[in-house]
Amino acid sequence: MGQYFASCTSRLTLLAIACMSLPVPAARAVAWGGNLIVNGNAELGSASPNGQTVVPIPGWSVTGSMTVTTYAASATLPDTAHAGINPGSQFFTGGPWSTVTQAIQWIDLAPFVSEISMGGARFEIFGAFGGIADQEDGARMVVVWLDAAGQSLRTDTLLGPNIFERCNRTSLVNRRSDGILPSGT
């Protein structure tokens, strides 16, 4: 049985609320019809008071200074009115020191082998991605679908907006994609 990992990467600043769901037949919908990413909305754990201190992010393995902060924690950060998909009170940021940060999460799909092996199992990935003012920062979410041997079958990527799409404003923009899990996942 395969697995996948979700990775959120940023250059300078990452602002993301990321979710992934795998809609399935009604008999298993409760088991895995929701978000399989742990803490995909950055609501678990404490937040940096201003985005300039690094706090642990439950559920994620982090490199660089990626952190979590609250909306409108400083004048340069977005408020919930510019937050994209169903904001809570916290969100991911690239942090204060690193030019590249990354958060990775491995998710084992072995419990869903029977549904996936029938073929046609669908997924949806979505999130709110953005950046700060006229900074050319960027965010993305990458899902790599793996087979049982750990070999990559396919990669799905959500790219955050560039400064022109954000109109040089601090904001988050909704992105989504869906599809069928690759055979052998």
Protein backbone atom coordinates (compact mmCIF):
# COMPACT_ATOMS: atom_id res chain seq x y z
CA MET A 1 0.00 0.00 0.00
CA GLY A 2 1.29 3.43 -0.82
CA GLN A 3 1.41 6.65 1.03
CA TYR A 4 1.80 10.26 0.21
CA PHE A 5 3.40 13.22 1.76
CA ALA A 6 2.26 16.78 1.76
CA SER A 7 4.85 19.48 1.70
CA CYS A 8 4.42 23.21 2.09
CA THR A 9 7.41 25.21 0.92
CA SER A 10 8.01 28.92 0.82
CA ARG A 11 10.55 31.39 -0.42
CA LEU A 12 10.68 34.21 2.14
CA THR A 13 7.13 33.97 3.50
CA LEU A 14 4.51 31.25 3.39
CA LEU A 15 0.93 31.96 4.35
CA ALA A 16 -1.11 28.83 3.91
CA ILE A 17 -4.10 26.95 5.16
CA ALA A 18 -3.86 23.59 3.47
CA CYS A 19 -6.33 20.74 3.42
CA MET A 20 -6.63 17.43 1.66
CA SER A 21 -9.59 15.16 1.53
CA LEU A 22 -10.28 11.89 -0.17
CA PRO A 23 -13.98 11.45 -0.92
CA VAL A 24 -14.92 7.75 -0.84
CA PRO A 25 -17.95 5.49 -0.97
CA ALA A 26 -20.56 6.24 1.70
CA ALA A 27 -19.64 3.18 3.77
CA ARG A 28 -16.20 4.67 4.56
CA ALA A 29 -16.98 8.36 4.23
CA VAL A 30 -16.74 8.96 7.97
CA ALA A 31 -13.40 7.17 8.18
CA TRP A 32 -11.58 9.14 5.51
CA GLY A 33 -13.92 11.54 3.76
CA GLY A 34 -12.40 14.49 5.61
CA ASN A 35 -9.05 16.17 5.89
CA LEU A 36 -6.22 13.65 6.28
CA ILE A 37 -3.57 16.29 6.94
CA VAL A 38 -2.89 16.73 10.64
CA ASN A 39 -3.01 20.40 11.58
CA GLY A 40 -3.47 21.50 7.97
CA ASN A 41 -5.02 24.74 9.21
CA ALA A 42 -2.26 25.64 11.74
CA GLU A 43 -4.76 25.74 14.61
CA LEU A 44 -3.04 23.13 16.83
CA GLY A 45 -0.38 24.44 19.19
CA SER A 46 0.59 27.93 20.18
CA ALA A 47 1.25 30.82 17.82
CA SER A 48 4.13 33.25 17.54
CA PRO A 49 2.88 36.59 18.87
CA ASN A 50 4.12 38.50 15.80
CA GLY A 51 5.50 35.95 13.31
CA GLN A 52 9.08 36.82 14.28
CA THR A 53 9.61 33.93 16.71
CA VAL A 54 9.59 30.28 15.72
CA VAL A 55 7.16 27.96 17.48
CA PRO A 56 6.81 24.19 17.06
CA ILE A 57 4.12 23.18 14.55
CA PRO A 58 2.32 20.00 15.69
CA GLY A 59 2.00 17.35 12.97
CA TRP A 60 4.72 18.79 10.71
CA SER A 61 8.47 18.24 10.25
CA VAL A 62 9.88 21.70 9.59
CA THR A 63 13.09 23.00 8.07
CA GLY A 64 14.05 26.64 8.17
CA SER A 65 12.21 29.14 10.34
CA MET A 66 8.64 28.28 9.35
CA THR A 67 6.25 29.18 12.13
CA VAL A 68 2.61 29.85 12.98
CA THR A 69 1.15 33.22 13.93
CA THR A 70 -2.27 34.80 14.37
CA TYR A 71 -4.10 36.88 11.81
CA ALA A 72 -3.29 40.60 12.08
CA ALA A 73 -0.54 39.88 14.63
CA SER A 74 1.38 42.78 13.10
CA ALA A 75 0.63 45.51 10.58
CA THR A 76 2.29 43.50 7.78
CA LEU A 77 0.27 40.30 8.30
CA PRO A 78 -3.18 39.62 6.84
CA ASP A 79 -6.37 39.87 8.84
CA THR A 80 -9.19 37.35 8.54
CA ALA A 81 -10.93 39.50 5.91
CA HIS A 82 -8.01 38.70 3.56
CA ALA A 83 -7.49 35.13 4.71
CA GLY A 84 -9.05 32.93 2.05
CA ILE A 85 -10.70 29.61 2.93
CA ASN A 86 -12.51 29.45 6.30
CA PRO A 87 -9.85 31.09 8.45
CA GLY A 88 -9.44 30.11 12.05
CA SER A 89 -7.28 32.24 14.28
CA GLN A 90 -3.79 31.08 13.15
CA PHE A 91 -1.87 30.48 9.91
CA PHE A 92 1.52 29.28 8.64
CA THR A 93 4.25 31.81 7.83
CA GLY A 94 7.71 31.38 6.37
CA GLY A 95 9.19 32.79 9.55
CA PRO A 96 11.78 35.43 10.28
CA TRP A 97 15.15 34.09 9.15
CA SER A 98 15.10 31.61 6.29
CA THR A 99 14.75 32.40 2.63
CA VAL A 100 13.37 28.89 2.09
CA THR A 101 11.27 27.01 4.61
CA GLN A 102 9.47 23.71 4.35
CA ALA A 103 6.99 21.66 6.35
CA ILE A 104 6.51 17.97 5.51
CA GLN A 105 3.94 15.47 6.65
CA TRP A 106 3.76 11.76 5.74
CA ILE A 107 0.31 10.21 5.58
CA ASP A 108 -0.09 6.44 5.38
CA LEU A 109 -2.96 5.36 3.13
CA ALA A 110 -2.69 1.64 4.03
CA PRO A 111 -6.03 1.66 5.94
CA PHE A 112 -7.75 2.58 2.67
CA VAL A 113 -6.14 -0.05 0.42
CA SER A 114 -9.39 -1.78 -0.53
CA GLU A 115 -11.08 1.43 -1.71
CA ILE A 116 -7.98 2.69 -3.51
CA SER A 117 -7.28 -0.65 -5.24
CA MET A 118 -10.82 -0.65 -6.73
CA GLY A 119 -9.71 2.38 -8.75
CA GLY A 120 -11.38 5.73 -9.10
CA ALA A 121 -10.60 6.95 -5.56
CA ARG A 122 -10.73 10.73 -5.77
CA PHE A 123 -8.79 13.37 -3.85
CA GLU A 124 -9.08 17.10 -3.35
CA ILE A 125 -6.32 19.42 -2.20
CA PHE A 126 -7.02 23.01 -1.32
CA GLY A 127 -5.60 25.88 0.63
CA ALA A 128 -5.20 29.61 0.92
CA PHE A 129 -1.75 30.83 -0.15
CA GLY A 130 -0.29 34.31 -0.31
CA GLY A 131 2.41 36.71 0.55
CA ILE A 132 3.19 40.09 2.06
CA ALA A 133 2.65 43.34 0.15
CA ASP A 134 5.11 43.78 -2.73
CA GLN A 135 7.50 41.06 -1.57
CA GLU A 136 8.13 38.45 -4.24
CA ASP A 137 7.58 35.67 -1.75
CA GLY A 138 5.69 32.58 -2.73
CA ALA A 139 4.03 29.52 -1.29
CA ARG A 140 3.06 26.15 -2.65
CA MET A 141 1.66 22.84 -1.53
CA VAL A 142 3.10 19.68 -3.04
CA VAL A 143 1.53 16.23 -2.72
CA VAL A 144 3.70 13.34 -3.86
CA TRP A 145 1.83 10.07 -4.36
CA LEU A 146 4.02 7.05 -3.55
CA ASP A 147 3.70 3.33 -4.13
CA ALA A 148 4.34 0.68 -1.46
CA ALA A 149 8.07 0.75 -2.25
CA GLY A 150 8.22 4.52 -1.73
CA GLN A 151 8.60 5.35 -5.43
CA SER A 152 6.92 8.50 -6.70
CA LEU A 153 3.89 7.86 -8.92
CA ARG A 154 2.81 11.45 -9.47
CA THR A 155 3.11 14.92 -7.96
CA ASP A 156 0.26 17.40 -7.59
CA THR A 157 1.14 21.02 -6.80
CA LEU A 158 -0.86 24.07 -5.77
CA LEU A 159 1.03 27.29 -6.48
CA GLY A 160 0.36 30.41 -4.47
CA PRO A 161 -0.26 33.75 -6.15
CA ASN A 162 2.50 36.00 -7.40
CA ILE A 163 2.61 39.68 -6.43
CA PHE A 164 0.56 40.66 -9.47
CA GLU A 165 -2.23 38.21 -8.64
CA ARG A 166 -2.24 39.65 -5.11
CA CYS A 167 -2.18 43.21 -6.53
CA ASN A 168 0.90 43.93 -4.38
CA ARG A 169 -1.27 43.42 -1.28
CA THR A 170 -0.89 41.20 1.74
CA SER A 171 -3.54 38.57 1.22
CA LEU A 172 -4.27 34.90 0.81
CA VAL A 173 -5.77 33.46 -2.38
CA ASN A 174 -7.75 30.22 -2.54
CA ARG A 175 -6.35 27.39 -4.65
CA ARG A 176 -7.72 23.89 -5.20
CA SER A 177 -7.22 20.81 -7.33
CA ASP A 178 -8.78 17.39 -7.45
CA GLY A 179 -8.33 14.17 -9.33
CA ILE A 180 -8.07 10.40 -9.14
CA LEU A 181 -5.34 8.77 -7.08
CA PRO A 182 -2.71 7.20 -9.31
CA SER A 183 -2.96 3.45 -9.74
CA GLY A 184 -0.70 1.71 -7.23
CA THR A 185 -0.86 4.41 -4.56
